[in-house]
C-alpha atoms as a PDB file:
ATOM      1  CA  MET A   1       7.496  -3.511  -7.251  1.00  0.00           C
ATOM      2  CA  SER A   2      10.593  -1.057  -7.808  1.00  0.00           C
ATOM      3  CA  ASN A   3      11.218   1.631  -5.260  1.00  0.00           C
ATOM      4  CA  GLU A   4      13.863   3.916  -5.025  1.00  0.00           C
ATOM      5  CA  ASN A   5      13.692   4.745  -1.108  1.00  0.00           C
ATOM      6  CA  SER A   6      16.738   3.573   0.267  1.00  0.00           C
ATOM      7  CA  GLU A   7      14.494   1.436   2.878  1.00  0.00           C
ATOM      8  CA  ASN A   8      13.809  -0.870  -0.080  1.00  0.00           C
ATOM      9  CA  ALA A   9      17.333  -1.739  -0.784  1.00  0.00           C
ATOM     10  CA  PRO A  10      18.926  -5.000  -1.767  1.00  0.00           C
ATOM     11  CA  GLY A  11      19.244  -7.042   1.028  1.00  0.00           C
ATOM     12  CA  HIS A  12      17.320  -5.131   3.233  1.00  0.00           C
ATOM     13  CA  ASN A  13      14.032  -6.673   2.069  1.00  0.00           C
ATOM     14  CA  LYS A  14      12.031  -9.539   3.377  1.00  0.00           C
ATOM     15  CA  SER A  15       8.594 -10.946   2.507  1.00  0.00           C
ATOM     16  CA  VAL A  16       5.440  -9.771   4.518  1.00  0.00           C
ATOM     17  CA  GLN A  17       1.614 -10.864   3.894  1.00  0.00           C
ATOM     18  CA  ILE A  18      -0.483  -7.517   4.088  1.00  0.00           C
ATOM     19  CA  VAL A  19      -4.265  -7.567   2.910  1.00  0.00           C
ATOM     20  CA  ILE A  20      -5.821  -5.241   0.283  1.00  0.00           C
ATOM     21  CA  ASN A  21      -9.862  -5.591  -0.019  1.00  0.00           C
ATOM     22  CA  GLY A  22      -9.810  -8.539   1.558  1.00  0.00           C
ATOM     23  CA  GLN A  23      -7.313 -10.540  -0.543  1.00  0.00           C
ATOM     24  CA  PRO A  24      -3.718 -11.340   0.878  1.00  0.00           C
ATOM     25  CA  ILE A  25      -0.921 -10.441  -1.076  1.00  0.00           C
ATOM     26  CA  THR A  26       3.119 -11.116  -0.070  1.00  0.00           C
ATOM     27  CA  ILE A  27       5.147  -8.506  -0.906  1.00  0.00           C
ATOM     28  CA  SER A  28       9.600  -7.305  -0.811  1.00  0.00           C
ATOM     29  CA  LEU A  29       9.173  -3.860   0.256  1.00  0.00           C
ATOM     30  CA  GLN A  30       9.297  -2.072   3.456  1.00  0.00           C
ATOM     31  CA  ARG A  31       7.806   0.646   2.619  1.00  0.00           C
ATOM     32  CA  ILE A  32       4.668   1.387   0.350  1.00  0.00           C
ATOM     33  CA  SER A  33       3.125   3.698  -1.809  1.00  0.00           C
ATOM     34  CA  TYR A  34      -0.186   5.239  -2.217  1.00  0.00           C
ATOM     35  CA  GLU A  35       0.222   4.476  -5.989  1.00  0.00           C
ATOM     36  CA  GLU A  36       1.683   0.420  -5.563  1.00  0.00           C
ATOM     37  CA  VAL A  37      -1.183   0.204  -2.995  1.00  0.00           C
ATOM     38  CA  VAL A  38      -3.973   1.612  -5.493  1.00  0.00           C
ATOM     39  CA  ARG A  39      -2.210  -0.985  -8.495  1.00  0.00           C
ATOM     40  CA  LEU A  40      -2.346  -3.703  -6.500  1.00  0.00           C
ATOM     41  CA  ALA A  41      -6.168  -3.274  -5.737  1.00  0.00           C
ATOM     42  CA  PHE A  42      -6.909  -2.585  -9.259  1.00  0.00           C
ATOM     43  CA  PRO A  43      -4.629  -3.984 -11.172  1.00  0.00           C
ATOM     44  CA  GLU A  44      -6.854  -3.069 -14.387  1.00  0.00           C
ATOM     45  CA  GLY A  45      -7.226   0.630 -13.172  1.00  0.00           C
ATOM     46  CA  PRO A  46      -8.703   3.003 -13.894  1.00  0.00           C
ATOM     47  CA  PHE A  47      -5.696   5.064 -13.138  1.00  0.00           C
ATOM     48  CA  ASP A  48      -7.261   8.801 -13.871  1.00  0.00           C
ATOM     49  CA  VAL A  49      -9.765   8.933 -10.669  1.00  0.00           C
ATOM     50  CA  THR A  50      -9.055   9.645  -6.983  1.00  0.00           C
ATOM     51  CA  TYR A  51      -9.081   6.840  -4.563  1.00  0.00           C
ATOM     52  CA  ALA A  52      -9.219   6.704  -0.891  1.00  0.00           C
ATOM     53  CA  VAL A  53      -6.877   4.571   0.710  1.00  0.00           C
ATOM     54  CA  ASP A  54      -7.110   3.583   4.582  1.00  0.00           C
ATOM     55  CA  TYR A  55      -5.018   1.644   6.395  1.00  0.00           C
ATOM     56  CA  ALA A  56      -5.330  -0.546   9.590  1.00  0.00           C
ATOM     57  CA  THR A  57      -1.892  -2.167  11.512  1.00  0.00           C
ATOM     58  CA  GLU A  58      -1.855  -3.431  14.928  1.00  0.00           C
ATOM     59  CA  HIS A  59       1.672  -2.338  15.509  1.00  0.00           C
ATOM     60  CA  GLY A  60       0.945   1.311  15.062  1.00  0.00           C
ATOM     61  CA  PRO A  61      -1.569   4.317  14.472  1.00  0.00           C
ATOM     62  CA  ASP A  62      -4.244   3.522  11.389  1.00  0.00           C
ATOM     63  CA  GLY A  63      -4.013   6.294   8.791  1.00  0.00           C
ATOM     64  CA  THR A  64      -4.643   7.288   5.013  1.00  0.00           C
ATOM     65  CA  LEU A  65      -2.797   7.760   2.215  1.00  0.00           C
ATOM     66  CA  THR A  66      -3.022  10.099  -0.504  1.00  0.00           C
ATOM     67  CA  LYS A  67      -0.965  10.557  -3.659  1.00  0.00           C
ATOM     68  CA  GLY A  68       2.414  10.825  -3.363  1.00  0.00           C
ATOM     69  CA  GLN A  69       2.624   9.096   0.483  1.00  0.00           C
ATOM     70  CA  SER A  70       3.435   5.771   2.054  1.00  0.00           C
ATOM     71  CA  THR A  71       3.391   4.178   4.909  1.00  0.00           C
ATOM     72  CA  LYS A  72       6.049   1.777   6.296  1.00  0.00           C
ATOM     73  CA  VAL A  73       4.718  -2.174   6.083  1.00  0.00           C
ATOM     74  CA  HIS A  74       3.798  -4.438   8.824  1.00  0.00           C
ATOM     75  CA  LYS A  75       2.973  -8.046   9.122  1.00  0.00           C
ATOM     76  CA  GLU A  76      -1.013  -7.940   8.218  1.00  0.00           C
ATOM     77  CA  MET A  77      -1.093  -4.914   8.237  1.00  0.00           C
ATOM     78  CA  SER A  78      -5.227  -4.374   6.322  1.00  0.00           C
ATOM     79  CA  PHE A  79      -5.797  -1.733   3.283  1.00  0.00           C
ATOM     80  CA  ASN A  80      -9.153  -0.572   2.189  1.00  0.00           C
ATOM     81  CA  VAL A  81      -9.201   1.232  -1.230  1.00  0.00           C
ATOM     82  CA  ILE A  82     -12.443   2.365  -2.860  1.00  0.00           C
ATOM     83  CA  LYS A  83     -12.985   4.756  -5.573  1.00  0.00           C
ATOM     84  CA  SER A  84     -13.469   8.526  -4.415  1.00  0.00           C
ATOM     85  CA  ASN A  85     -15.966  10.993  -5.198  1.00  0.00           C
ATOM     86  CA  ARG A  86     -13.670  13.972  -4.242  1.00  0.00           C
ATOM     87  CA  SER A  87     -10.283  15.011  -6.010  1.00  0.00           C
END
């Protein structure tokens, strides 16, 4: 996955394992966006619906992501992604 953030510049990436909907995934990003999490959770889509994205980490506050937002990636970070009934 490409990301134009300077924090994801070449030479600054290291692999980290996260969990999305119970499935371990290894990524090489320092930050991950709502859109990237949704595509990892549902590679086949649909992408014309809104998803609720919640995350938890033992290294910082838990939270949610919405379209256009991103969060710093931490080892063993856990994401839950579900189709939302709200837009």
